[in-house]
PDB file of all heavy atoms in Angstrom:
ATOM      1  N   HIS A   1      -4.010 -19.195  -2.224  1.00  0.00           N
ATOM      2  CA  HIS A   1      -4.586 -20.252  -1.402  1.00  0.00           C
ATOM      3  C   HIS A   1      -3.668 -21.470  -1.420  1.00  0.00           C
ATOM      4  O   HIS A   1      -3.363 -22.002  -2.479  1.00  0.00           O
ATOM      5  CB  HIS A   1      -5.970 -20.640  -1.913  1.00  0.00           C
ATOM      6  CG  HIS A   1      -6.895 -19.469  -2.057  1.00  0.00           C
ATOM      7  ND1 HIS A   1      -7.460 -18.843  -0.970  1.00  0.00           N
ATOM      8  CD2 HIS A   1      -7.326 -18.808  -3.145  1.00  0.00           C
ATOM      9  CE1 HIS A   1      -8.208 -17.848  -1.401  1.00  0.00           C
ATOM     10  NE2 HIS A   1      -8.143 -17.809  -2.719  1.00  0.00           N
ATOM     11  N   LEU A   2      -3.248 -21.919  -0.243  1.00  0.00           N
ATOM     12  CA  LEU A   2      -2.385 -23.091  -0.115  1.00  0.00           C
ATOM     13  C   LEU A   2      -3.196 -24.221   0.498  1.00  0.00           C
ATOM     14  O   LEU A   2      -3.644 -24.112   1.647  1.00  0.00           O
ATOM     15  CB  LEU A   2      -1.179 -22.785   0.771  1.00  0.00           C
ATOM     16  CG  LEU A   2      -0.104 -21.896   0.162  1.00  0.00           C
ATOM     17  CD1 LEU A   2      -0.516 -20.448   0.177  1.00  0.00           C
ATOM     18  CD2 LEU A   2       1.183 -22.071   0.928  1.00  0.00           C
ATOM     19  N   PRO A   3      -3.387 -25.315  -0.249  1.00  0.00           N
ATOM     20  CA  PRO A   3      -4.162 -26.430   0.296  1.00  0.00           C
ATOM     21  C   PRO A   3      -3.348 -27.222   1.315  1.00  0.00           C
ATOM     22  O   PRO A   3      -2.129 -27.275   1.256  1.00  0.00           O
ATOM     23  CB  PRO A   3      -4.459 -27.277  -0.942  1.00  0.00           C
ATOM     24  CG  PRO A   3      -3.327 -26.982  -1.865  1.00  0.00           C
ATOM     25  CD  PRO A   3      -2.935 -25.558  -1.613  1.00  0.00           C
ATOM     26  N   CYS A   4      -4.052 -27.844   2.239  1.00  0.00           N
ATOM     27  CA  CYS A   4      -3.417 -28.681   3.253  1.00  0.00           C
ATOM     28  C   CYS A   4      -4.155 -30.011   3.337  1.00  0.00           C
ATOM     29  O   CYS A   4      -5.379 -30.048   3.327  1.00  0.00           O
ATOM     30  CB  CYS A   4      -3.464 -27.989   4.614  1.00  0.00           C
ATOM     31  SG  CYS A   4      -2.714 -28.958   5.934  1.00  0.00           S
ATOM     32  N   VAL A   5      -3.417 -31.098   3.439  1.00  0.00           N
ATOM     33  CA  VAL A   5      -4.024 -32.416   3.595  1.00  0.00           C
ATOM     34  C   VAL A   5      -4.518 -32.507   5.036  1.00  0.00           C
ATOM     35  O   VAL A   5      -3.733 -32.696   5.952  1.00  0.00           O
ATOM     36  CB  VAL A   5      -3.003 -33.540   3.311  1.00  0.00           C
ATOM     37  CG1 VAL A   5      -3.641 -34.895   3.527  1.00  0.00           C
ATOM     38  CG2 VAL A   5      -2.449 -33.423   1.914  1.00  0.00           C
ATOM     39  N   ALA A   6      -5.818 -32.333   5.213  1.00  0.00           N
ATOM     40  CA  ALA A   6      -6.366 -32.334   6.569  1.00  0.00           C
ATOM     41  C   ALA A   6      -7.380 -33.448   6.763  1.00  0.00           C
ATOM     42  O   ALA A   6      -8.207 -33.383   7.640  1.00  0.00           O
ATOM     43  CB  ALA A   6      -6.994 -30.982   6.883  1.00  0.00           C
ATOM     44  N   ALA A   7      -7.326 -34.444   5.930  1.00  0.00           N
ATOM     45  CA  ALA A   7      -8.222 -35.591   6.075  1.00  0.00           C
ATOM     46  C   ALA A   7      -7.375 -36.848   6.095  1.00  0.00           C
ATOM     47  O   ALA A   7      -6.308 -36.902   5.507  1.00  0.00           O
ATOM     48  CB  ALA A   7      -9.203 -35.640   4.913  1.00  0.00           C
ATOM     49  N   HIS A   8      -7.847 -37.824   6.799  1.00  0.00           N
ATOM     50  CA  HIS A   8      -7.114 -39.088   6.902  1.00  0.00           C
ATOM     51  C   HIS A   8      -8.040 -40.202   6.437  1.00  0.00           C
ATOM     52  O   HIS A   8      -9.248 -40.137   6.639  1.00  0.00           O
ATOM     53  CB  HIS A   8      -6.645 -39.325   8.340  1.00  0.00           C
ATOM     54  CG  HIS A   8      -5.515 -40.289   8.398  1.00  0.00           C
ATOM     55  ND1 HIS A   8      -5.692 -41.641   8.409  1.00  0.00           N
ATOM     56  CD2 HIS A   8      -4.178 -40.086   8.409  1.00  0.00           C
ATOM     57  CE1 HIS A   8      -4.510 -42.236   8.440  1.00  0.00           C
ATOM     58  NE2 HIS A   8      -3.585 -41.317   8.439  1.00  0.00           N
ATOM     59  N   PRO A   9      -7.476 -41.254   5.822  1.00  0.00           N
ATOM     60  CA  PRO A   9      -8.335 -42.325   5.312  1.00  0.00           C
ATOM     61  C   PRO A   9      -9.132 -43.059   6.393  1.00  0.00           C
ATOM     62  O   PRO A   9     -10.145 -43.670   6.099  1.00  0.00           O
ATOM     63  CB  PRO A   9      -7.374 -43.291   4.632  1.00  0.00           C
ATOM     64  CG  PRO A   9      -6.008 -42.754   4.795  1.00  0.00           C
ATOM     65  CD  PRO A   9      -6.081 -41.443   5.497  1.00  0.00           C
ATOM     66  N   ARG A  10      -8.723 -42.994   7.646  1.00  0.00           N
ATOM     67  CA  ARG A  10      -9.451 -43.688   8.706  1.00  0.00           C
ATOM     68  C   ARG A  10     -10.735 -42.926   9.035  1.00  0.00           C
ATOM     69  O   ARG A  10     -10.683 -41.779   9.473  1.00  0.00           O
ATOM     70  CB  ARG A  10      -8.583 -43.795   9.954  1.00  0.00           C
ATOM     71  CG  ARG A  10      -9.295 -44.553  11.074  1.00  0.00           C
ATOM     72  CD  ARG A  10      -8.444 -44.668  12.301  1.00  0.00           C
ATOM     73  NE  ARG A  10      -7.383 -45.635  12.034  1.00  0.00           N
ATOM     74  CZ  ARG A  10      -6.395 -45.893  12.876  1.00  0.00           C
ATOM     75  NH1 ARG A  10      -6.318 -45.246  14.011  1.00  0.00           N
ATOM     76  NH2 ARG A  10      -5.476 -46.773  12.570  1.00  0.00           N
ATOM     77  N   PRO A  11     -11.896 -43.535   8.817  1.00  0.00           N
ATOM     78  CA  PRO A  11     -13.170 -42.847   9.070  1.00  0.00           C
ATOM     79  C   PRO A  11     -13.289 -42.418  10.539  1.00  0.00           C
ATOM     80  O   PRO A  11     -12.912 -43.154  11.446  1.00  0.00           O
ATOM     81  CB  PRO A  11     -14.231 -43.896   8.728  1.00  0.00           C
ATOM     82  CG  PRO A  11     -13.526 -44.967   7.955  1.00  0.00           C
ATOM     83  CD  PRO A  11     -12.083 -44.898   8.335  1.00  0.00           C
ATOM     84  N   GLY A  12     -13.804 -41.203  10.718  1.00  0.00           N
ATOM     85  CA  GLY A  12     -14.063 -40.713  12.067  1.00  0.00           C
ATOM     86  C   GLY A  12     -12.877 -40.088  12.757  1.00  0.00           C
ATOM     87  O   GLY A  12     -13.038 -39.461  13.800  1.00  0.00           O
ATOM     88  N   ASP A  13     -11.664 -40.259  12.227  1.00  0.00           N
ATOM     89  CA  ASP A  13     -10.492 -39.647  12.862  1.00  0.00           C
ATOM     90  C   ASP A  13     -10.414 -38.179  12.440  1.00  0.00           C
ATOM     91  O   ASP A  13     -10.520 -37.851  11.264  1.00  0.00           O
ATOM     92  CB  ASP A  13      -9.214 -40.384  12.454  1.00  0.00           C
ATOM     93  CG  ASP A  13      -8.091 -40.133  13.448  1.00  0.00           C
ATOM     94  OD1 ASP A  13      -8.319 -39.426  14.448  1.00  0.00           O
ATOM     95  OD2 ASP A  13      -6.984 -40.634  13.210  1.00  0.00           O
ATOM     96  N   THR A  14     -10.269 -37.305  13.398  1.00  0.00           N
ATOM     97  CA  THR A  14     -10.283 -35.874  13.108  1.00  0.00           C
ATOM     98  C   THR A  14      -8.920 -35.240  13.393  1.00  0.00           C
ATOM     99  O   THR A  14      -8.180 -35.694  14.273  1.00  0.00           O
ATOM    100  CB  THR A  14     -11.345 -35.162  13.957  1.00  0.00           C
ATOM    101  OG1 THR A  14     -11.063 -35.417  15.333  1.00  0.00           O
ATOM    102  CG2 THR A  14     -12.738 -35.653  13.624  1.00  0.00           C
ATOM    103  N   PRO A  15      -8.603 -34.175  12.658  1.00  0.00           N
ATOM    104  CA  PRO A  15      -7.361 -33.454  12.933  1.00  0.00           C
ATOM    105  C   PRO A  15      -7.448 -32.763  14.288  1.00  0.00           C
ATOM    106  O   PRO A  15      -8.504 -32.273  14.680  1.00  0.00           O
ATOM    107  CB  PRO A  15      -7.276 -32.413  11.818  1.00  0.00           C
ATOM    108  CG  PRO A  15      -8.391 -32.669  10.885  1.00  0.00           C
ATOM    109  CD  PRO A  15      -9.328 -33.629  11.524  1.00  0.00           C
ATOM    110  N   ILE A  16      -6.330 -32.740  15.010  1.00  0.00           N
ATOM    111  CA  ILE A  16      -6.301 -32.043  16.291  1.00  0.00           C
ATOM    112  C   ILE A  16      -5.305 -30.884  16.288  1.00  0.00           C
ATOM    113  O   ILE A  16      -5.379 -30.001  17.133  1.00  0.00           O
ATOM    114  CB  ILE A  16      -5.994 -33.004  17.461  1.00  0.00           C
ATOM    115  CG1 ILE A  16      -4.672 -33.724  17.256  1.00  0.00           C
ATOM    116  CG2 ILE A  16      -7.150 -33.969  17.666  1.00  0.00           C
ATOM    117  CD1 ILE A  16      -4.200 -34.521  18.472  1.00  0.00           C
ATOM    118  N   LEU A  17      -4.362 -30.915  15.323  1.00  0.00           N
ATOM    119  CA  LEU A  17      -3.351 -29.861  15.265  1.00  0.00           C
ATOM    120  C   LEU A  17      -2.909 -29.693  13.819  1.00  0.00           C
ATOM    121  O   LEU A  17      -2.585 -30.671  13.143  1.00  0.00           O
ATOM    122  CB  LEU A  17      -2.152 -30.246  16.140  1.00  0.00           C
ATOM    123  CG  LEU A  17      -1.150 -29.163  16.493  1.00  0.00           C
ATOM    124  CD1 LEU A  17      -1.790 -28.072  17.339  1.00  0.00           C
ATOM    125  CD2 LEU A  17       0.027 -29.773  17.248  1.00  0.00           C
ATOM    126  N   VAL A  18      -2.921 -28.436  13.319  1.00  0.00           N
ATOM    127  CA  VAL A  18      -2.442 -28.120  11.973  1.00  0.00           C
ATOM    128  C   VAL A  18      -1.306 -27.117  12.151  1.00  0.00           C
ATOM    129  O   VAL A  18      -1.488 -26.066  12.765  1.00  0.00           O
ATOM    130  CB  VAL A  18      -3.563 -27.530  11.092  1.00  0.00           C
ATOM    131  CG1 VAL A  18      -3.037 -27.203   9.700  1.00  0.00           C
ATOM    132  CG2 VAL A  18      -4.751 -28.484  11.019  1.00  0.00           C
ATOM    133  N   VAL A  19      -0.138 -27.462  11.598  1.00  0.00           N
ATOM    134  CA  VAL A  19       1.059 -26.641  11.779  1.00  0.00           C
ATOM    135  C   VAL A  19       1.651 -26.323  10.399  1.00  0.00           C
ATOM    136  O   VAL A  19       1.833 -27.213   9.577  1.00  0.00           O
ATOM    137  CB  VAL A  19       2.109 -27.382  12.647  1.00  0.00           C
ATOM    138  CG1 VAL A  19       3.302 -26.487  12.925  1.00  0.00           C
ATOM    139  CG2 VAL A  19       1.485 -27.876  13.948  1.00  0.00           C
ATOM    140  N   TRP A  20       1.975 -25.036  10.171  1.00  0.00           N
ATOM    141  CA  TRP A  20       2.545 -24.585   8.898  1.00  0.00           C
ATOM    142  C   TRP A  20       3.975 -24.085   9.080  1.00  0.00           C
ATOM    143  O   TRP A  20       4.263 -23.328  10.010  1.00  0.00           O
ATOM    144  CB  TRP A  20       1.711 -23.446   8.306  1.00  0.00           C
ATOM    145  CG  TRP A  20       0.438 -23.891   7.678  1.00  0.00           C
ATOM    146  CD1 TRP A  20      -0.778 -24.018   8.280  1.00  0.00           C
ATOM    147  CD2 TRP A  20       0.248 -24.259   6.314  1.00  0.00           C
ATOM    148  NE1 TRP A  20      -1.713 -24.451   7.372  1.00  0.00           N
ATOM    149  CE2 TRP A  20      -1.108 -24.594   6.147  1.00  0.00           C
ATOM    150  CE3 TRP A  20       1.100 -24.327   5.206  1.00  0.00           C
ATOM    151  CZ2 TRP A  20      -1.634 -25.000   4.928  1.00  0.00           C
ATOM    152  CZ3 TRP A  20       0.573 -24.723   3.989  1.00  0.00           C
ATOM    153  CH2 TRP A  20      -0.778 -25.055   3.865  1.00  0.00           C
ATOM    154  N   TYR A  21       4.855 -24.520   8.159  1.00  0.00           N
ATOM    155  CA  TYR A  21       6.256 -24.099   8.135  1.00  0.00           C
ATOM    156  C   TYR A  21       6.547 -23.515   6.748  1.00  0.00           C
ATOM    157  O   TYR A  21       5.892 -23.862   5.778  1.00  0.00           O
ATOM    158  CB  TYR A  21       7.194 -25.287   8.334  1.00  0.00           C
ATOM    159  CG  TYR A  21       6.982 -26.064   9.608  1.00  0.00           C
ATOM    160  CD1 TYR A  21       6.041 -27.088   9.674  1.00  0.00           C
ATOM    161  CD2 TYR A  21       7.745 -25.786  10.745  1.00  0.00           C
ATOM    162  CE1 TYR A  21       5.863 -27.817  10.841  1.00  0.00           C
ATOM    163  CE2 TYR A  21       7.569 -26.519  11.909  1.00  0.00           C
ATOM    164  CZ  TYR A  21       6.619 -27.529  11.955  1.00  0.00           C
ATOM    165  OH  TYR A  21       6.450 -28.250  13.106  1.00  0.00           O
ATOM    166  N   LYS A  22       7.586 -22.690   6.666  1.00  0.00           N
ATOM    167  CA  LYS A  22       7.996 -22.147   5.359  1.00  0.00           C
ATOM    168  C   LYS A  22       9.491 -22.351   5.156  1.00  0.00           C
ATOM    169  O   LYS A  22      10.287 -22.098   6.061  1.00  0.00           O
ATOM    170  CB  LYS A  22       7.667 -20.658   5.256  1.00  0.00           C
ATOM    171  CG  LYS A  22       8.020 -20.085   3.887  1.00  0.00           C
ATOM    172  CD  LYS A  22       7.713 -18.607   3.771  1.00  0.00           C
ATOM    173  CE  LYS A  22       8.145 -18.137   2.380  1.00  0.00           C
ATOM    174  NZ  LYS A  22       8.547 -16.780   2.356  1.00  0.00           N
ATOM    175  N   ASP A  23       9.850 -22.789   3.948  1.00  0.00           N
ATOM    176  CA  ASP A  23      11.235 -22.915   3.503  1.00  0.00           C
ATOM    177  C   ASP A  23      12.125 -23.697   4.463  1.00  0.00           C
ATOM    178  O   ASP A  23      13.267 -23.313   4.732  1.00  0.00           O
ATOM    179  CB  ASP A  23      11.842 -21.529   3.236  1.00  0.00           C
ATOM    180  CG  ASP A  23      11.195 -20.839   2.050  1.00  0.00           C
ATOM    181  OD1 ASP A  23      10.713 -21.541   1.145  1.00  0.00           O
ATOM    182  OD2 ASP A  23      11.173 -19.587   2.026  1.00  0.00           O
ATOM    183  N   GLY A  24      11.620 -24.795   4.985  1.00  0.00           N
ATOM    184  CA  GLY A  24      12.413 -25.680   5.830  1.00  0.00           C
ATOM    185  C   GLY A  24      12.693 -25.167   7.232  1.00  0.00           C
ATOM    186  O   GLY A  24      13.538 -25.725   7.944  1.00  0.00           O
ATOM    187  N   ALA A  25      12.009 -24.132   7.656  1.00  0.00           N
ATOM    188  CA  ALA A  25      12.220 -23.584   9.002  1.00  0.00           C
ATOM    189  C   ALA A  25      11.859 -24.634  10.052  1.00  0.00           C
ATOM    190  O   ALA A  25      10.967 -25.447   9.856  1.00  0.00           O
ATOM    191  CB  ALA A  25      11.375 -22.325   9.198  1.00  0.00           C
ATOM    192  N   ARG A  26      12.565 -24.604  11.154  1.00  0.00           N
ATOM    193  CA  ARG A  26      12.270 -25.531  12.254  1.00  0.00           C
ATOM    194  C   ARG A  26      11.110 -25.027  13.097  1.00  0.00           C
ATOM    195  O   ARG A  26      10.417 -25.799  13.738  1.00  0.00           O
ATOM    196  CB  ARG A  26      13.506 -25.700  13.132  1.00  0.00           C
ATOM    197  CG  ARG A  26      14.661 -26.300  12.352  1.00  0.00           C
ATOM    198  CD  ARG A  26      15.871 -26.422  13.206  1.00  0.00           C
ATOM    199  NE  ARG A  26      16.123 -27.854  13.345  1.00  0.00           N
ATOM    200  CZ  ARG A  26      16.815 -28.388  14.311  1.00  0.00           C
ATOM    201  NH1 ARG A  26      17.348 -27.637  15.233  1.00  0.00           N
ATOM    202  NH2 ARG A  26      16.992 -29.684  14.354  1.00  0.00           N
ATOM    203  N   ARG A  27      10.918 -23.727  13.100  1.00  0.00           N
ATOM    204  CA  ARG A  27       9.847 -23.122  13.889  1.00  0.00           C
ATOM    205  C   ARG A  27       8.677 -22.778  12.973  1.00  0.00           C
ATOM    206  O   ARG A  27       8.843 -22.122  11.949  1.00  0.00           O
ATOM    207  CB  ARG A  27      10.369 -21.857  14.558  1.00  0.00           C
ATOM    208  CG  ARG A  27       9.360 -21.206  15.432  1.00  0.00           C
ATOM    209  CD  ARG A  27       9.945 -20.017  16.130  1.00  0.00           C
ATOM    210  NE  ARG A  27       8.856 -19.344  16.820  1.00  0.00           N
ATOM    211  CZ  ARG A  27       9.019 -18.354  17.639  1.00  0.00           C
ATOM    212  NH1 ARG A  27      10.217 -17.899  17.889  1.00  0.00           N
ATOM    213  NH2 ARG A  27       7.988 -17.801  18.217  1.00  0.00           N
ATOM    214  N   PRO A  28       7.455 -23.208  13.331  1.00  0.00           N
ATOM    215  CA  PRO A  28       6.298 -22.918  12.486  1.00  0.00           C
ATOM    216  C   PRO A  28       5.931 -21.437  12.530  1.00  0.00           C
ATOM    217  O   PRO A  28       6.198 -20.753  13.509  1.00  0.00           O
ATOM    218  CB  PRO A  28       5.188 -23.772  13.094  1.00  0.00           C
ATOM    219  CG  PRO A  28       5.593 -23.974  14.505  1.00  0.00           C
ATOM    220  CD  PRO A  28       7.096 -23.975  14.526  1.00  0.00           C
ATOM    221  N   PHE A  29       5.293 -20.971  11.449  1.00  0.00           N
ATOM    222  CA  PHE A  29       4.795 -19.590  11.454  1.00  0.00           C
ATOM    223  C   PHE A  29       3.319 -19.546  11.825  1.00  0.00           C
ATOM    224  O   PHE A  29       2.780 -18.489  12.126  1.00  0.00           O
ATOM    225  CB  PHE A  29       5.052 -18.889  10.113  1.00  0.00           C
ATOM    226  CG  PHE A  29       4.261 -19.430   8.955  1.00  0.00           C
ATOM    227  CD1 PHE A  29       3.000 -18.945   8.675  1.00  0.00           C
ATOM    228  CD2 PHE A  29       4.788 -20.418   8.152  1.00  0.00           C
ATOM    229  CE1 PHE A  29       2.274 -19.441   7.605  1.00  0.00           C
ATOM    230  CE2 PHE A  29       4.074 -20.914   7.072  1.00  0.00           C
ATOM    231  CZ  PHE A  29       2.812 -20.427   6.799  1.00  0.00           C
ATOM    232  N   TYR A  30       2.649 -20.725  11.831  1.00  0.00           N
ATOM    233  CA  TYR A  30       1.237 -20.752  12.183  1.00  0.00           C
ATOM    234  C   TYR A  30       0.869 -22.106  12.777  1.00  0.00           C
ATOM    235  O   TYR A  30       1.285 -23.143  12.274  1.00  0.00           O
ATOM    236  CB  TYR A  30       0.370 -20.496  10.939  1.00  0.00           C
ATOM    237  CG  TYR A  30      -1.101 -20.391  11.260  1.00  0.00           C
ATOM    238  CD1 TYR A  30      -1.638 -19.209  11.750  1.00  0.00           C
ATOM    239  CD2 TYR A  30      -1.945 -21.477  11.094  1.00  0.00           C
ATOM    240  CE1 TYR A  30      -2.977 -19.112  12.063  1.00  0.00           C
ATOM    241  CE2 TYR A  30      -3.286 -21.390  11.403  1.00  0.00           C
ATOM    242  CZ  TYR A  30      -3.800 -20.202  11.890  1.00  0.00           C
ATOM    243  OH  TYR A  30      -5.123 -20.115  12.210  1.00  0.00           O
ATOM    244  N   ILE A  31       0.063 -22.070  13.856  1.00  0.00           N
ATOM    245  CA  ILE A  31      -0.430 -23.292  14.497  1.00  0.00           C
ATOM    246  C   ILE A  31      -1.930 -23.131  14.718  1.00  0.00           C
ATOM    247  O   ILE A  31      -2.381 -22.107  15.236  1.00  0.00           O
ATOM    248  CB  ILE A  31       0.256 -23.542  15.861  1.00  0.00           C
ATOM    249  CG1 ILE A  31       1.757 -23.737  15.680  1.00  0.00           C
ATOM    250  CG2 ILE A  31      -0.368 -24.742  16.553  1.00  0.00           C
ATOM    251  CD1 ILE A  31       2.524 -23.777  17.000  1.00  0.00           C
ATOM    252  N   LEU A  32      -2.686 -24.155  14.315  1.00  0.00           N
ATOM    253  CA  LEU A  32      -4.129 -24.191  14.575  1.00  0.00           C
ATOM    254  C   LEU A  32      -4.381 -25.387  15.490  1.00  0.00           C
ATOM    255  O   LEU A  32      -4.181 -26.530  15.102  1.00  0.00           O
ATOM    256  CB  LEU A  32      -4.907 -24.334  13.270  1.00  0.00           C
ATOM    257  CG  LEU A  32      -6.432 -24.446  13.392  1.00  0.00           C
ATOM    258  CD1 LEU A  32      -7.018 -23.174  14.004  1.00  0.00           C
ATOM    259  CD2 LEU A  32      -7.047 -24.712  12.029  1.00  0.00           C
ATOM    260  N   ASP A  33      -4.800 -25.120  16.696  1.00  0.00           N
ATOM    261  CA  ASP A  33      -5.040 -26.164  17.697  1.00  0.00           C
ATOM    262  C   ASP A  33      -6.527 -26.488  17.719  1.00  0.00           C
ATOM    263  O   ASP A  33      -7.352 -25.644  18.065  1.00  0.00           O
ATOM    264  CB  ASP A  33      -4.578 -25.658  19.065  1.00  0.00           C
ATOM    265  CG  ASP A  33      -4.628 -26.723  20.139  1.00  0.00           C
ATOM    266  OD1 ASP A  33      -5.253 -27.781  19.912  1.00  0.00           O
ATOM    267  OD2 ASP A  33      -4.046 -26.493  21.212  1.00  0.00           O
ATOM    268  N   LEU A  34      -6.877 -27.717  17.330  1.00  0.00           N
ATOM    269  CA  LEU A  34      -8.282 -28.138  17.245  1.00  0.00           C
ATOM    270  C   LEU A  34      -8.680 -29.079  18.384  1.00  0.00           C
ATOM    271  O   LEU A  34      -9.756 -29.667  18.351  1.00  0.00           O
ATOM    272  CB  LEU A  34      -8.527 -28.822  15.889  1.00  0.00           C
ATOM    273  CG  LEU A  34      -8.271 -27.943  14.669  1.00  0.00           C
ATOM    274  CD1 LEU A  34      -8.215 -28.782  13.404  1.00  0.00           C
ATOM    275  CD2 LEU A  34      -9.324 -26.869  14.551  1.00  0.00           C
ATOM    276  N   ARG A  35      -7.840 -29.217  19.396  1.00  0.00           N
ATOM    277  CA  ARG A  35      -8.166 -30.090  20.521  1.00  0.00           C
ATOM    278  C   ARG A  35      -9.258 -29.469  21.384  1.00  0.00           C
ATOM    279  O   ARG A  35      -9.480 -28.269  21.340  1.00  0.00           O
ATOM    280  CB  ARG A  35      -6.915 -30.335  21.377  1.00  0.00           C
ATOM    281  CG  ARG A  35      -5.872 -31.145  20.650  1.00  0.00           C
ATOM    282  CD  ARG A  35      -4.627 -31.269  21.455  1.00  0.00           C
ATOM    283  NE  ARG A  35      -3.910 -29.987  21.372  1.00  0.00           N
ATOM    284  CZ  ARG A  35      -2.645 -29.836  21.636  1.00  0.00           C
ATOM    285  NH1 ARG A  35      -1.928 -30.854  22.032  1.00  0.00           N
ATOM    286  NH2 ARG A  35      -2.065 -28.665  21.526  1.00  0.00           N
ATOM    287  N   GLU A  36      -9.929 -30.286  22.128  1.00  0.00           N
ATOM    288  CA  GLU A  36     -10.964 -29.871  23.077  1.00  0.00           C
ATOM    289  C   GLU A  36     -12.152 -29.196  22.398  1.00  0.00           C
ATOM    290  O   GLU A  36     -12.817 -28.347  22.994  1.00  0.00           O
ATOM    291  CB  GLU A  36     -10.381 -28.961  24.160  1.00  0.00           C
ATOM    292  CG  GLU A  36      -9.282 -29.648  24.959  1.00  0.00           C
ATOM    293  CD  GLU A  36      -8.642 -28.714  25.963  1.00  0.00           C
ATOM    294  OE1 GLU A  36      -9.249 -27.686  26.309  1.00  0.00           O
ATOM    295  OE2 GLU A  36      -7.534 -29.033  26.401  1.00  0.00           O
TER     296      GLU A  36
END
């Protein structure tokens, strides 16, 4: 299990995009789109 910082100190602000990279790669291996 790899934790991700998905909370921000500003109340009510929500994540809209979570992107994961491995070993300094420029291209992500996983994208979670939370918009709309």
